[in-house]
Amino acid sequence: MRSFTTADLNKQVGTVTDAARREPVVFTHHRKSRYMLISITG
């Protein structure tokens, strides 16, 4: 499972969504897991 910061989502949305197509992605905020993004199409 890949991990990105919430700031990464703003800066690299394409990279983050590509990663989420392959596996669940966790977003951290202040070094704590806060959100998860998964693809609905697999």
N, C-alpha and C. Protein backbone atom coordinates (compact mmCIF):
# COMPACT_ATOMS: atom_id res chain seq x y z
N MET A 1 0.85 -1.17 0.00
CA MET A 1 0.00 0.00 0.00
C MET A 1 0.90 1.23 0.00
N ARG A 2 0.65 2.11 -0.94
CA ARG A 2 1.44 3.35 -1.02
C ARG A 2 0.88 4.40 -0.09
N SER A 3 1.75 5.30 0.30
CA SER A 3 1.37 6.37 1.20
C SER A 3 1.81 7.71 0.61
N PHE A 4 0.92 8.69 0.70
CA PHE A 4 1.21 10.04 0.24
C PHE A 4 0.75 11.01 1.32
N THR A 5 1.30 12.20 1.30
CA THR A 5 0.80 13.24 2.19
C THR A 5 -0.38 13.92 1.51
N THR A 6 -1.17 14.64 2.29
CA THR A 6 -2.28 15.38 1.69
C THR A 6 -1.75 16.46 0.75
N ALA A 7 -0.58 16.99 1.02
CA ALA A 7 0.03 17.98 0.13
C ALA A 7 0.39 17.34 -1.21
N ASP A 8 0.84 16.07 -1.19
CA ASP A 8 1.15 15.36 -2.43
C ASP A 8 -0.07 15.27 -3.34
N LEU A 9 -1.23 15.07 -2.75
CA LEU A 9 -2.45 14.98 -3.55
C LEU A 9 -2.66 16.27 -4.34
N ASN A 10 -2.43 17.40 -3.72
CA ASN A 10 -2.59 18.69 -4.41
C ASN A 10 -1.55 18.90 -5.50
N LYS A 11 -0.33 18.42 -5.26
CA LYS A 11 0.77 18.67 -6.19
C LYS A 11 0.88 17.62 -7.29
N GLN A 12 0.49 16.38 -6.99
CA GLN A 12 0.74 15.27 -7.91
C GLN A 12 -0.51 14.41 -8.10
N VAL A 13 -1.62 15.01 -8.42
CA VAL A 13 -2.88 14.27 -8.49
C VAL A 13 -2.80 13.12 -9.50
N GLY A 14 -2.13 13.30 -10.60
CA GLY A 14 -2.00 12.23 -11.59
C GLY A 14 -1.23 11.04 -11.07
N THR A 15 -0.15 11.28 -10.39
CA THR A 15 0.66 10.21 -9.80
C THR A 15 -0.14 9.46 -8.74
N VAL A 16 -0.85 10.20 -7.92
CA VAL A 16 -1.64 9.59 -6.84
C VAL A 16 -2.76 8.73 -7.41
N THR A 17 -3.49 9.24 -8.39
CA THR A 17 -4.60 8.47 -8.94
C THR A 17 -4.11 7.26 -9.73
N ASP A 18 -2.96 7.36 -10.39
CA ASP A 18 -2.38 6.20 -11.06
C ASP A 18 -2.03 5.11 -10.05
N ALA A 19 -1.46 5.52 -8.94
CA ALA A 19 -1.11 4.56 -7.89
C ALA A 19 -2.37 3.91 -7.32
N ALA A 20 -3.43 4.69 -7.17
CA ALA A 20 -4.68 4.16 -6.60
C ALA A 20 -5.35 3.16 -7.54
N ARG A 21 -5.05 3.24 -8.84
CA ARG A 21 -5.59 2.25 -9.77
C ARG A 21 -4.98 0.87 -9.53
N ARG A 22 -3.77 0.84 -9.01
CA ARG A 22 -3.06 -0.42 -8.80
C ARG A 22 -3.25 -1.00 -7.40
N GLU A 23 -3.38 -0.14 -6.41
CA GLU A 23 -3.48 -0.58 -5.02
C GLU A 23 -4.07 0.55 -4.17
N PRO A 24 -4.61 0.23 -3.00
CA PRO A 24 -5.13 1.30 -2.13
C PRO A 24 -4.01 2.29 -1.75
N VAL A 25 -4.38 3.54 -1.66
CA VAL A 25 -3.44 4.61 -1.32
C VAL A 25 -3.90 5.25 -0.01
N VAL A 26 -2.97 5.44 0.90
CA VAL A 26 -3.26 6.08 2.18
C VAL A 26 -2.68 7.49 2.16
N PHE A 27 -3.48 8.44 2.67
CA PHE A 27 -3.01 9.81 2.79
C PHE A 27 -2.73 10.11 4.25
N THR A 28 -1.60 10.74 4.49
CA THR A 28 -1.23 11.10 5.85
C THR A 28 -1.32 12.61 6.03
N HIS A 29 -1.59 13.01 7.24
CA HIS A 29 -1.61 14.43 7.62
C HIS A 29 -0.96 14.51 8.99
N HIS A 30 0.11 15.26 9.07
CA HIS A 30 0.92 15.33 10.29
C HIS A 30 1.37 13.93 10.73
N ARG A 31 1.82 13.16 9.72
CA ARG A 31 2.38 11.82 9.92
C ARG A 31 1.39 10.77 10.43
N LYS A 32 0.11 11.06 10.40
CA LYS A 32 -0.90 10.09 10.82
C LYS A 32 -1.79 9.77 9.62
N SER A 33 -2.11 8.49 9.47
CA SER A 33 -3.02 8.08 8.39
C SER A 33 -4.38 8.72 8.61
N ARG A 34 -4.90 9.35 7.55
CA ARG A 34 -6.18 10.06 7.68
C ARG A 34 -7.23 9.59 6.69
N TYR A 35 -6.81 9.29 5.45
CA TYR A 35 -7.76 8.97 4.39
C TYR A 35 -7.22 7.81 3.56
N MET A 36 -8.12 7.14 2.82
CA MET A 36 -7.72 6.10 1.90
C MET A 36 -8.45 6.29 0.57
N LEU A 37 -7.74 6.06 -0.51
CA LEU A 37 -8.30 6.15 -1.85
C LEU A 37 -8.15 4.79 -2.52
N ILE A 38 -9.25 4.27 -3.04
CA ILE A 38 -9.21 3.01 -3.76
C ILE A 38 -9.95 3.18 -5.09
N SER A 39 -9.58 2.39 -6.06
CA SER A 39 -10.23 2.42 -7.35
C SER A 39 -11.48 1.56 -7.32
N ILE A 40 -12.55 2.03 -7.92
CA ILE A 40 -13.77 1.22 -7.96
C ILE A 40 -13.77 0.30 -9.19
N THR A 41 -12.84 0.51 -10.11
CA THR A 41 -12.79 -0.32 -11.31
C THR A 41 -11.73 -1.41 -11.24
N GLY A 42 -10.90 -1.37 -10.20
CA GLY A 42 -9.90 -2.43 -10.01
C GLY A 42 -8.75 -2.20 -10.85
